[in-house]
């Protein structure tokens, strides 16, 4: 799977979900997968949310850095 020489690039994507943090991460990865090839790993950089008028969380926003391998 991994060769001796690999170079990666990272992009930032913001995933949004009303269900939770994990769902927001999954949404970001699913969307990125449509145009980014050879994705390898991710890191959650920031977690934000929106508070509704009733004081409860009504949206989760997750800033995710996704690394992908550059093609030769």
N, C-alpha and C. Protein backbone atom coordinates (compact mmCIF):
# COMPACT_ATOMS: atom_id res chain seq x y z
N UNK A 1 0.82 -1.20 0.00
CA UNK A 1 0.00 0.00 0.00
C UNK A 1 0.86 1.25 0.00
N UNK A 2 1.86 1.29 0.85
CA UNK A 2 2.71 2.47 0.93
C UNK A 2 4.05 2.18 0.30
N UNK A 3 4.45 3.02 -0.64
CA UNK A 3 5.76 2.89 -1.24
C UNK A 3 6.79 3.58 -0.37
N UNK A 4 8.02 3.55 -0.83
CA UNK A 4 9.08 4.16 -0.03
C UNK A 4 9.08 5.68 -0.15
N UNK A 5 8.48 6.20 -1.20
CA UNK A 5 8.48 7.65 -1.41
C UNK A 5 7.04 8.13 -1.63
N UNK A 6 6.55 8.94 -0.70
CA UNK A 6 5.19 9.48 -0.82
C UNK A 6 5.21 10.96 -0.46
N UNK A 7 4.41 11.72 -1.18
CA UNK A 7 4.25 13.14 -0.90
C UNK A 7 2.76 13.41 -0.76
N UNK A 8 2.40 14.18 0.27
CA UNK A 8 1.00 14.47 0.54
C UNK A 8 0.72 15.96 0.45
N UNK A 9 -0.53 16.27 0.22
CA UNK A 9 -1.02 17.65 0.27
C UNK A 9 -2.24 17.63 1.18
N UNK A 10 -2.47 18.74 1.91
CA UNK A 10 -3.63 18.83 2.78
C UNK A 10 -4.56 19.93 2.29
N UNK A 11 -5.85 19.64 2.40
CA UNK A 11 -6.87 20.63 2.10
C UNK A 11 -7.75 20.79 3.35
N UNK A 12 -8.44 21.89 3.43
CA UNK A 12 -9.37 22.12 4.54
C UNK A 12 -10.80 22.08 4.01
N UNK A 13 -11.63 21.35 4.73
CA UNK A 13 -13.04 21.21 4.37
C UNK A 13 -13.86 21.38 5.64
N UNK A 14 -15.00 22.03 5.55
CA UNK A 14 -15.89 22.19 6.70
C UNK A 14 -17.11 21.31 6.49
N UNK A 15 -17.28 20.35 7.38
CA UNK A 15 -18.45 19.48 7.36
C UNK A 15 -19.52 20.02 8.29
N UNK A 16 -20.77 19.91 7.89
CA UNK A 16 -21.89 20.43 8.67
C UNK A 16 -22.92 19.33 8.85
N UNK A 17 -23.47 19.24 10.06
CA UNK A 17 -24.50 18.25 10.34
C UNK A 17 -25.38 18.71 11.48
N UNK A 18 -26.62 18.33 11.44
CA UNK A 18 -27.54 18.59 12.55
C UNK A 18 -27.48 17.44 13.57
N UNK A 19 -26.89 16.29 13.16
CA UNK A 19 -26.87 15.10 14.01
C UNK A 19 -25.73 15.08 15.02
N UNK A 20 -24.53 15.52 14.62
CA UNK A 20 -23.41 15.47 15.54
C UNK A 20 -22.07 15.64 14.86
N UNK A 21 -21.01 15.62 15.65
CA UNK A 21 -19.65 15.85 15.16
C UNK A 21 -19.22 14.75 14.20
N UNK A 22 -19.45 13.49 14.57
CA UNK A 22 -19.03 12.39 13.70
C UNK A 22 -19.73 12.46 12.34
N UNK A 23 -20.98 12.83 12.33
CA UNK A 23 -21.72 12.95 11.09
C UNK A 23 -21.19 14.11 10.25
N UNK A 24 -20.77 15.18 10.89
CA UNK A 24 -20.18 16.31 10.17
C UNK A 24 -18.85 15.92 9.54
N UNK A 25 -18.05 15.13 10.24
CA UNK A 25 -16.78 14.63 9.68
C UNK A 25 -17.07 13.74 8.48
N UNK A 26 -18.01 12.82 8.64
CA UNK A 26 -18.37 11.91 7.55
C UNK A 26 -18.87 12.67 6.33
N UNK A 27 -19.63 13.73 6.54
CA UNK A 27 -20.13 14.54 5.43
C UNK A 27 -18.98 15.22 4.69
N UNK A 28 -18.02 15.74 5.44
CA UNK A 28 -16.87 16.40 4.81
C UNK A 28 -16.06 15.41 3.98
N UNK A 29 -15.82 14.22 4.52
CA UNK A 29 -15.04 13.22 3.80
C UNK A 29 -15.78 12.71 2.57
N UNK A 30 -17.08 12.51 2.70
CA UNK A 30 -17.88 12.02 1.58
C UNK A 30 -17.88 13.01 0.43
N UNK A 31 -18.00 14.28 0.75
CA UNK A 31 -18.01 15.31 -0.30
C UNK A 31 -16.64 15.42 -0.96
N UNK A 32 -15.57 15.41 -0.15
CA UNK A 32 -14.22 15.52 -0.69
C UNK A 32 -13.88 14.32 -1.58
N UNK A 33 -14.38 13.15 -1.21
CA UNK A 33 -14.08 11.93 -1.97
C UNK A 33 -14.54 12.01 -3.42
N UNK A 34 -15.53 12.84 -3.69
CA UNK A 34 -16.05 12.98 -5.05
C UNK A 34 -15.04 13.59 -6.02
N UNK A 35 -14.11 14.40 -5.49
CA UNK A 35 -13.14 15.07 -6.37
C UNK A 35 -11.68 14.87 -5.96
N UNK A 36 -11.44 14.38 -4.77
CA UNK A 36 -10.06 14.19 -4.29
C UNK A 36 -9.75 12.70 -4.28
N UNK A 37 -8.65 12.33 -4.92
CA UNK A 37 -8.26 10.93 -5.01
C UNK A 37 -7.11 10.64 -4.05
N UNK A 38 -6.99 9.40 -3.66
CA UNK A 38 -5.92 8.92 -2.77
C UNK A 38 -5.92 9.62 -1.42
N UNK A 39 -7.12 9.85 -0.86
CA UNK A 39 -7.18 10.42 0.49
C UNK A 39 -6.58 9.41 1.46
N UNK A 40 -5.83 9.92 2.42
CA UNK A 40 -5.10 9.02 3.32
C UNK A 40 -5.51 9.17 4.77
N UNK A 41 -5.60 10.39 5.28
CA UNK A 41 -5.94 10.61 6.68
C UNK A 41 -6.54 11.99 6.86
N UNK A 42 -7.10 12.21 8.04
CA UNK A 42 -7.69 13.51 8.33
C UNK A 42 -7.39 13.90 9.76
N UNK A 43 -7.53 15.18 10.03
CA UNK A 43 -7.42 15.68 11.40
C UNK A 43 -8.52 16.73 11.61
N UNK A 44 -9.13 16.68 12.77
CA UNK A 44 -10.14 17.69 13.13
C UNK A 44 -9.39 18.86 13.75
N UNK A 45 -9.53 20.02 13.14
CA UNK A 45 -8.80 21.20 13.57
C UNK A 45 -9.64 22.07 14.49
N UNK A 46 -10.91 22.23 14.15
CA UNK A 46 -11.81 23.07 14.94
C UNK A 46 -13.20 22.44 14.96
N UNK A 47 -13.89 22.68 16.04
CA UNK A 47 -15.29 22.27 16.15
C UNK A 47 -16.09 23.49 16.55
N UNK A 48 -17.12 23.78 15.78
CA UNK A 48 -18.01 24.90 16.07
C UNK A 48 -19.44 24.40 16.01
N UNK A 49 -20.33 25.21 16.45
CA UNK A 49 -21.73 24.85 16.35
C UNK A 49 -22.61 26.07 16.39
N UNK A 50 -23.85 25.83 16.08
CA UNK A 50 -24.83 26.90 16.12
C UNK A 50 -25.84 26.59 17.21
N UNK A 51 -26.13 27.56 18.03
CA UNK A 51 -27.07 27.40 19.14
C UNK A 51 -28.41 27.98 18.72
N UNK A 52 -29.45 27.19 18.85
CA UNK A 52 -30.79 27.64 18.49
C UNK A 52 -31.38 28.56 19.54
N UNK A 53 -32.50 29.13 19.24
CA UNK A 53 -33.17 30.06 20.15
C UNK A 53 -33.56 29.40 21.47
N UNK A 54 -33.76 28.08 21.43
CA UNK A 54 -34.13 27.36 22.65
C UNK A 54 -32.92 26.97 23.50
N UNK A 55 -31.71 27.36 23.04
CA UNK A 55 -30.50 27.09 23.81
C UNK A 55 -29.85 25.74 23.53
N UNK A 56 -30.39 24.98 22.60
CA UNK A 56 -29.80 23.69 22.27
C UNK A 56 -29.00 23.79 20.97
N UNK A 57 -28.11 22.83 20.79
CA UNK A 57 -27.30 22.79 19.57
C UNK A 57 -28.19 22.37 18.41
N UNK A 58 -28.19 23.17 17.36
CA UNK A 58 -28.99 22.77 16.20
C UNK A 58 -28.14 22.55 14.95
N UNK A 59 -26.80 22.75 15.06
CA UNK A 59 -25.91 22.45 13.94
C UNK A 59 -24.48 22.33 14.44
N UNK A 60 -23.79 21.31 13.92
CA UNK A 60 -22.37 21.10 14.22
C UNK A 60 -21.56 21.43 12.98
N UNK A 61 -20.45 22.13 13.18
CA UNK A 61 -19.56 22.51 12.08
C UNK A 61 -18.15 22.07 12.47
N UNK A 62 -17.53 21.27 11.61
CA UNK A 62 -16.22 20.71 11.91
C UNK A 62 -15.25 21.06 10.79
N UNK A 63 -14.16 21.73 11.15
CA UNK A 63 -13.10 22.01 10.18
C UNK A 63 -12.17 20.81 10.16
N UNK A 64 -12.07 20.19 9.00
CA UNK A 64 -11.28 18.97 8.84
C UNK A 64 -10.18 19.21 7.82
N UNK A 65 -8.95 18.85 8.16
CA UNK A 65 -7.86 18.85 7.19
C UNK A 65 -7.75 17.43 6.67
N UNK A 66 -7.78 17.29 5.36
CA UNK A 66 -7.70 15.99 4.72
C UNK A 66 -6.40 15.92 3.92
N UNK A 67 -5.64 14.87 4.16
CA UNK A 67 -4.40 14.66 3.42
C UNK A 67 -4.63 13.66 2.31
N UNK A 68 -4.06 13.95 1.15
CA UNK A 68 -4.15 13.01 0.04
C UNK A 68 -2.78 12.92 -0.62
N UNK A 69 -2.52 11.75 -1.18
CA UNK A 69 -1.24 11.49 -1.79
C UNK A 69 -1.19 12.09 -3.18
N UNK A 70 -0.13 12.82 -3.47
CA UNK A 70 0.05 13.39 -4.81
C UNK A 70 0.48 12.29 -5.76
N UNK A 71 -0.09 12.32 -6.95
CA UNK A 71 0.24 11.30 -7.95
C UNK A 71 1.59 11.59 -8.59
N UNK A 72 2.23 10.54 -9.03
CA UNK A 72 3.55 10.68 -9.68
C UNK A 72 3.42 11.32 -11.03
